[in-house]
C-alpha atoms as a PDB file:
ATOM      1  CA  MET A   1     -14.073 -19.943 -18.999  1.00  0.00           C
ATOM      2  CA  TYR A   2     -12.368 -18.947 -22.258  1.00  0.00           C
ATOM      3  CA  ASP A   3     -13.839 -15.434 -22.040  1.00  0.00           C
ATOM      4  CA  PHE A   4     -12.610 -15.067 -18.469  1.00  0.00           C
ATOM      5  CA  GLU A   5      -9.093 -16.035 -19.527  1.00  0.00           C
ATOM      6  CA  LYS A   6      -9.171 -13.150 -22.017  1.00  0.00           C
ATOM      7  CA  LEU A   7     -10.189 -10.853 -19.160  1.00  0.00           C
ATOM      8  CA  LEU A   8      -7.253 -12.063 -17.045  1.00  0.00           C
ATOM      9  CA  VAL A   9      -4.699 -10.824 -19.585  1.00  0.00           C
ATOM     10  CA  SER A  10      -6.363  -7.462 -20.186  1.00  0.00           C
ATOM     11  CA  ASN A  11      -4.745  -4.374 -18.698  1.00  0.00           C
ATOM     12  CA  SER A  12      -7.279  -2.504 -16.590  1.00  0.00           C
ATOM     13  CA  PRO A  13      -7.627  -1.505 -12.920  1.00  0.00           C
ATOM     14  CA  VAL A  14     -11.226  -2.792 -12.873  1.00  0.00           C
ATOM     15  CA  LYS A  15     -12.334  -5.901 -14.756  1.00  0.00           C
ATOM     16  CA  VAL A  16     -16.009  -6.842 -15.114  1.00  0.00           C
ATOM     17  CA  MET A  17     -17.360 -10.280 -16.042  1.00  0.00           C
ATOM     18  CA  VAL A  18     -21.061 -10.954 -16.565  1.00  0.00           C
ATOM     19  CA  PHE A  19     -21.953 -14.610 -17.046  1.00  0.00           C
ATOM     20  CA  GLN A  20     -24.749 -17.129 -16.623  1.00  0.00           C
ATOM     21  CA  SER A  21     -24.724 -20.262 -14.513  1.00  0.00           C
ATOM     22  CA  LYS A  22     -27.076 -22.808 -13.065  1.00  0.00           C
ATOM     23  CA  GLU A  23     -27.528 -22.392  -9.328  1.00  0.00           C
ATOM     24  CA  ASN A  24     -26.027 -25.782  -8.537  1.00  0.00           C
ATOM     25  CA  SER A  25     -22.843 -25.083 -10.540  1.00  0.00           C
ATOM     26  CA  TYR A  26     -22.294 -21.444  -9.503  1.00  0.00           C
ATOM     27  CA  ASN A  27     -20.104 -22.228  -6.477  1.00  0.00           C
ATOM     28  CA  ASP A  28     -17.800 -24.517  -8.486  1.00  0.00           C
ATOM     29  CA  LEU A  29     -17.504 -21.961 -11.275  1.00  0.00           C
ATOM     30  CA  PHE A  30     -16.786 -19.144  -8.811  1.00  0.00           C
ATOM     31  CA  LYS A  31     -14.063 -21.254  -7.104  1.00  0.00           C
ATOM     32  CA  HIS A  32     -12.486 -21.896 -10.510  1.00  0.00           C
ATOM     33  CA  ILE A  33     -12.517 -18.167 -11.319  1.00  0.00           C
ATOM     34  CA  LYS A  34     -10.946 -17.271  -7.933  1.00  0.00           C
ATOM     35  CA  SER A  35      -8.267 -19.917  -8.489  1.00  0.00           C
ATOM     36  CA  ALA A  36      -7.481 -18.512 -11.944  1.00  0.00           C
ATOM     37  CA  ILE A  37      -7.176 -15.001 -10.478  1.00  0.00           C
ATOM     38  CA  LYS A  38      -4.742 -16.222  -7.774  1.00  0.00           C
ATOM     39  CA  THR A  39      -2.695 -18.211 -10.308  1.00  0.00           C
ATOM     40  CA  TYR A  40      -2.331 -15.357 -12.799  1.00  0.00           C
ATOM     41  CA  LYS A  41       0.604 -13.239 -11.631  1.00  0.00           C
ATOM     42  CA  GLN A  42       0.094 -10.104 -13.734  1.00  0.00           C
ATOM     43  CA  GLY A  43      -2.618  -7.572 -12.966  1.00  0.00           C
ATOM     44  CA  SER A  44      -2.184  -7.891  -9.221  1.00  0.00           C
ATOM     45  CA  ASP A  45      -3.411  -4.340  -8.588  1.00  0.00           C
ATOM     46  CA  CYS A  46      -6.834  -4.805 -10.147  1.00  0.00           C
ATOM     47  CA  THR A  47     -10.347  -5.423  -8.901  1.00  0.00           C
ATOM     48  CA  TYR A  48     -12.766  -7.880 -10.504  1.00  0.00           C
ATOM     49  CA  ILE A  49     -16.524  -7.424 -10.465  1.00  0.00           C
ATOM     50  CA  LEU A  50     -18.279 -10.731 -11.168  1.00  0.00           C
ATOM     51  CA  ALA A  51     -22.002 -10.713 -11.953  1.00  0.00           C
ATOM     52  CA  CYS A  52     -23.615 -14.109 -12.406  1.00  0.00           C
ATOM     53  CA  TYR A  53     -27.130 -14.413 -13.828  1.00  0.00           C
ATOM     54  CA  LEU A  54     -29.094 -17.177 -12.119  1.00  0.00           C
ATOM     55  CA  TYR A  55     -32.592 -18.496 -12.769  1.00  0.00           C
ATOM     56  CA  VAL A  56     -33.753 -19.896  -9.439  1.00  0.00           C
ATOM     57  CA  ASN A  57     -37.262 -21.160  -8.667  1.00  0.00           C
ATOM     58  CA  GLU A  58     -38.753 -19.214 -11.590  1.00  0.00           C
ATOM     59  CA  THR A  59     -36.983 -16.053 -10.405  1.00  0.00           C
ATOM     60  CA  ASN A  60     -34.344 -14.092 -12.326  1.00  0.00           C
ATOM     61  CA  MET A  61     -31.475 -12.885 -10.173  1.00  0.00           C
ATOM     62  CA  PHE A  62     -27.856 -11.772 -10.246  1.00  0.00           C
ATOM     63  CA  LYS A  63     -25.246 -12.793  -7.716  1.00  0.00           C
ATOM     64  CA  ILE A  64     -22.580 -10.102  -7.642  1.00  0.00           C
ATOM     65  CA  ALA A  65     -19.118 -10.398  -6.085  1.00  0.00           C
ATOM     66  CA  ARG A  66     -16.034  -8.185  -5.870  1.00  0.00           C
ATOM     67  CA  VAL A  67     -12.506  -9.614  -5.853  1.00  0.00           C
ATOM     68  CA  ASP A  68      -9.778  -7.191  -4.770  1.00  0.00           C
ATOM     69  CA  VAL A  69      -6.594  -8.916  -5.911  1.00  0.00           C
ATOM     70  CA  LYS A  70      -4.142  -6.630  -4.124  1.00  0.00           C
ATOM     71  CA  GLN A  71      -5.814  -7.078  -0.732  1.00  0.00           C
ATOM     72  CA  GLY A  72      -6.888 -10.674  -1.326  1.00  0.00           C
ATOM     73  CA  VAL A  73     -10.489  -9.838  -0.428  1.00  0.00           C
ATOM     74  CA  VAL A  74     -13.555 -11.487  -1.929  1.00  0.00           C
ATOM     75  CA  SER A  75     -16.842  -9.756  -1.106  1.00  0.00           C
ATOM     76  CA  GLU A  76     -20.304 -11.031  -1.940  1.00  0.00           C
ATOM     77  CA  LEU A  77     -22.029  -7.779  -2.820  1.00  0.00           C
ATOM     78  CA  ALA A  78     -25.610  -8.623  -3.610  1.00  0.00           C
ATOM     79  CA  TYR A  79     -28.371 -10.879  -4.777  1.00  0.00           C
ATOM     80  CA  VAL A  80     -30.486  -8.755  -7.082  1.00  0.00           C
END
């Protein structure tokens, strides 16, 4: 989470975070990230791209989501 906090304070219209998580903890981690984005008042015109690497049932995959802060929209983009 420390690396994500550094991303929160950066000044960019698009912010990208690539991280790894266990499948059973991904939802809790993603909720924590969304909460941090809502709490942080600066950077309200930016978009976050979150790519989480998961190893599920001997399969490598990424779960990718887009968070548009200005519109308050969270979109699950893909399982790759």
